């Protein structure tokens, strides 16, 4: 995820993503959570696009408050393990339904 993208958290678990060129794309938020150990916030979201295996693609970004909006930032490598564990847990819960 590019550091220049911005996210606007909307009602009903929606995220409005503003790209570098000003294009706006709506995404569905799967999970927004705060890691109390590092005091950072993360968001997992989807644009409902499918990969080559017909699986829905999940995006993950760190959230950084910038005035009234959030900036979506790339998750640093040292934080990815925890975020991937959260994503795996979501997938396991969905498959168990």
C-alpha atoms as a PDB file:
ATOM      1  CA  UNK A   1       0.000   0.000   0.000  1.00  0.00           C
ATOM      2  CA  UNK A   2       1.384   3.354  -0.974  1.00  0.00           C
ATOM      3  CA  UNK A   3       2.127   5.832   1.806  1.00  0.00           C
ATOM      4  CA  UNK A   4       0.295   8.616  -0.053  1.00  0.00           C
ATOM      5  CA  UNK A   5      -3.075   6.895  -0.001  1.00  0.00           C
ATOM      6  CA  UNK A   6      -5.641   8.143   2.458  1.00  0.00           C
ATOM      7  CA  UNK A   7      -8.552   6.380   4.032  1.00  0.00           C
ATOM      8  CA  UNK A   8     -11.780   7.800   5.301  1.00  0.00           C
ATOM      9  CA  UNK A   9     -13.593   5.480   7.664  1.00  0.00           C
ATOM     10  CA  UNK A  10     -17.271   5.664   6.856  1.00  0.00           C
ATOM     11  CA  UNK A  11     -20.408   4.278   8.458  1.00  0.00           C
ATOM     12  CA  UNK A  12     -21.384   0.624   8.103  1.00  0.00           C
ATOM     13  CA  UNK A  13     -17.810  -0.719   7.982  1.00  0.00           C
ATOM     14  CA  UNK A  14     -16.912   1.094   4.777  1.00  0.00           C
ATOM     15  CA  UNK A  15     -13.570   2.640   3.919  1.00  0.00           C
ATOM     16  CA  UNK A  16     -13.174   5.256   1.253  1.00  0.00           C
ATOM     17  CA  UNK A  17      -9.698   4.995  -0.252  1.00  0.00           C
ATOM     18  CA  UNK A  18      -8.314   8.026  -2.077  1.00  0.00           C
ATOM     19  CA  UNK A  19      -5.472   7.081  -4.425  1.00  0.00           C
ATOM     20  CA  UNK A  20      -2.483   9.119  -5.564  1.00  0.00           C
ATOM     21  CA  UNK A  21      -4.365  10.530  -8.541  1.00  0.00           C
ATOM     22  CA  UNK A  22      -7.388  11.479  -6.409  1.00  0.00           C
ATOM     23  CA  UNK A  23      -9.465   8.496  -7.503  1.00  0.00           C
ATOM     24  CA  UNK A  24     -11.909   7.280  -4.854  1.00  0.00           C
ATOM     25  CA  UNK A  25     -12.634   3.604  -4.297  1.00  0.00           C
ATOM     26  CA  UNK A  26     -14.944   2.190  -1.631  1.00  0.00           C
ATOM     27  CA  UNK A  27     -13.854  -0.874   0.311  1.00  0.00           C
ATOM     28  CA  UNK A  28     -15.518  -3.023   2.940  1.00  0.00           C
ATOM     29  CA  UNK A  29     -13.698  -3.097   6.262  1.00  0.00           C
ATOM     30  CA  UNK A  30     -13.249  -6.636   7.551  1.00  0.00           C
ATOM     31  CA  UNK A  31     -11.463  -5.648  10.736  1.00  0.00           C
ATOM     32  CA  UNK A  32     -10.144  -2.476  12.330  1.00  0.00           C
ATOM     33  CA  UNK A  33      -8.074  -3.115  15.436  1.00  0.00           C
ATOM     34  CA  UNK A  34      -5.466  -1.623  17.711  1.00  0.00           C
ATOM     35  CA  UNK A  35      -2.411  -3.523  18.880  1.00  0.00           C
ATOM     36  CA  UNK A  36      -1.989  -2.445  22.488  1.00  0.00           C
ATOM     37  CA  UNK A  37       1.608  -3.710  22.563  1.00  0.00           C
ATOM     38  CA  UNK A  38       2.808  -1.164  19.988  1.00  0.00           C
ATOM     39  CA  UNK A  39      -0.128   1.289  20.212  1.00  0.00           C
ATOM     40  CA  UNK A  40      -0.709   1.084  16.428  1.00  0.00           C
ATOM     41  CA  UNK A  41      -3.933   0.638  14.489  1.00  0.00           C
ATOM     42  CA  UNK A  42      -4.477  -1.637  11.497  1.00  0.00           C
ATOM     43  CA  UNK A  43      -7.267  -2.198   9.025  1.00  0.00           C
ATOM     44  CA  UNK A  44      -8.063  -5.266   6.936  1.00  0.00           C
ATOM     45  CA  UNK A  45     -10.308  -4.506   3.971  1.00  0.00           C
ATOM     46  CA  UNK A  46     -11.455  -5.753   0.598  1.00  0.00           C
ATOM     47  CA  UNK A  47     -12.503  -4.344  -2.754  1.00  0.00           C
ATOM     48  CA  UNK A  48     -14.099  -7.745  -3.492  1.00  0.00           C
ATOM     49  CA  UNK A  49     -11.649  -8.598  -6.252  1.00  0.00           C
ATOM     50  CA  UNK A  50     -10.839 -12.280  -6.772  1.00  0.00           C
ATOM     51  CA  UNK A  51      -7.409 -13.783  -7.266  1.00  0.00           C
ATOM     52  CA  UNK A  52      -6.531 -16.520  -9.768  1.00  0.00           C
ATOM     53  CA  UNK A  53      -7.908 -19.143  -7.344  1.00  0.00           C
ATOM     54  CA  UNK A  54     -11.252 -17.306  -7.008  1.00  0.00           C
ATOM     55  CA  UNK A  55     -10.386 -16.268  -3.461  1.00  0.00           C
ATOM     56  CA  UNK A  56     -11.273 -12.760  -2.341  1.00  0.00           C
ATOM     57  CA  UNK A  57      -8.217 -10.552  -1.921  1.00  0.00           C
ATOM     58  CA  UNK A  58      -7.731  -9.010   1.521  1.00  0.00           C
ATOM     59  CA  UNK A  59      -5.679  -5.838   1.891  1.00  0.00           C
ATOM     60  CA  UNK A  60      -3.993  -4.740   5.098  1.00  0.00           C
ATOM     61  CA  UNK A  61      -2.636  -1.341   6.063  1.00  0.00           C
ATOM     62  CA  UNK A  62      -1.428   0.472   9.120  1.00  0.00           C
ATOM     63  CA  UNK A  63      -3.660   3.420  10.018  1.00  0.00           C
ATOM     64  CA  UNK A  64      -2.060   6.707  11.006  1.00  0.00           C
ATOM     65  CA  UNK A  65      -4.326   9.562  12.080  1.00  0.00           C
ATOM     66  CA  UNK A  66      -3.554  12.686  10.049  1.00  0.00           C
ATOM     67  CA  UNK A  67      -5.840  15.513  11.127  1.00  0.00           C
ATOM     68  CA  UNK A  68      -9.412  14.336  10.561  1.00  0.00           C
ATOM     69  CA  UNK A  69      -8.416  11.521   8.194  1.00  0.00           C
ATOM     70  CA  UNK A  70      -6.385   8.382   8.306  1.00  0.00           C
ATOM     71  CA  UNK A  71      -3.368   7.687   6.160  1.00  0.00           C
ATOM     72  CA  UNK A  72      -3.016   4.112   4.970  1.00  0.00           C
ATOM     73  CA  UNK A  73       0.597   3.087   5.312  1.00  0.00           C
ATOM     74  CA  UNK A  74       2.528   0.005   4.386  1.00  0.00           C
ATOM     75  CA  UNK A  75       2.889  -2.327   7.342  1.00  0.00           C
ATOM     76  CA  UNK A  76       6.552  -2.607   8.355  1.00  0.00           C
ATOM     77  CA  UNK A  77       8.099  -6.057   7.938  1.00  0.00           C
ATOM     78  CA  UNK A  78       8.592  -6.467  11.693  1.00  0.00           C
ATOM     79  CA  UNK A  79       4.808  -6.055  12.254  1.00  0.00           C
ATOM     80  CA  UNK A  80       3.622  -8.336   9.436  1.00  0.00           C
ATOM     81  CA  UNK A  81       3.755 -11.572  11.429  1.00  0.00           C
ATOM     82  CA  UNK A  82       1.126 -10.408  13.887  1.00  0.00           C
ATOM     83  CA  UNK A  83      -1.105  -8.964  11.148  1.00  0.00           C
ATOM     84  CA  UNK A  84      -0.871 -12.208   9.133  1.00  0.00           C
ATOM     85  CA  UNK A  85      -1.864 -14.166  12.252  1.00  0.00           C
ATOM     86  CA  UNK A  86      -4.962 -11.978  12.598  1.00  0.00           C
ATOM     87  CA  UNK A  87      -5.792 -12.517   8.907  1.00  0.00           C
ATOM     88  CA  UNK A  88      -5.420 -16.285   9.264  1.00  0.00           C
ATOM     89  CA  UNK A  89      -7.763 -16.236  12.267  1.00  0.00           C
ATOM     90  CA  UNK A  90     -10.399 -14.378  10.236  1.00  0.00           C
ATOM     91  CA  UNK A  91     -10.108 -16.931   7.435  1.00  0.00           C
ATOM     92  CA  UNK A  92     -10.382 -19.843   9.875  1.00  0.00           C
ATOM     93  CA  UNK A  93     -13.496 -18.311  11.443  1.00  0.00           C
ATOM     94  CA  UNK A  94     -15.093 -17.736   8.024  1.00  0.00           C
ATOM     95  CA  UNK A  95     -14.360 -21.291   6.891  1.00  0.00           C
ATOM     96  CA  UNK A  96     -15.902 -22.660  10.088  1.00  0.00           C
ATOM     97  CA  UNK A  97     -19.285 -21.035   9.407  1.00  0.00           C
END
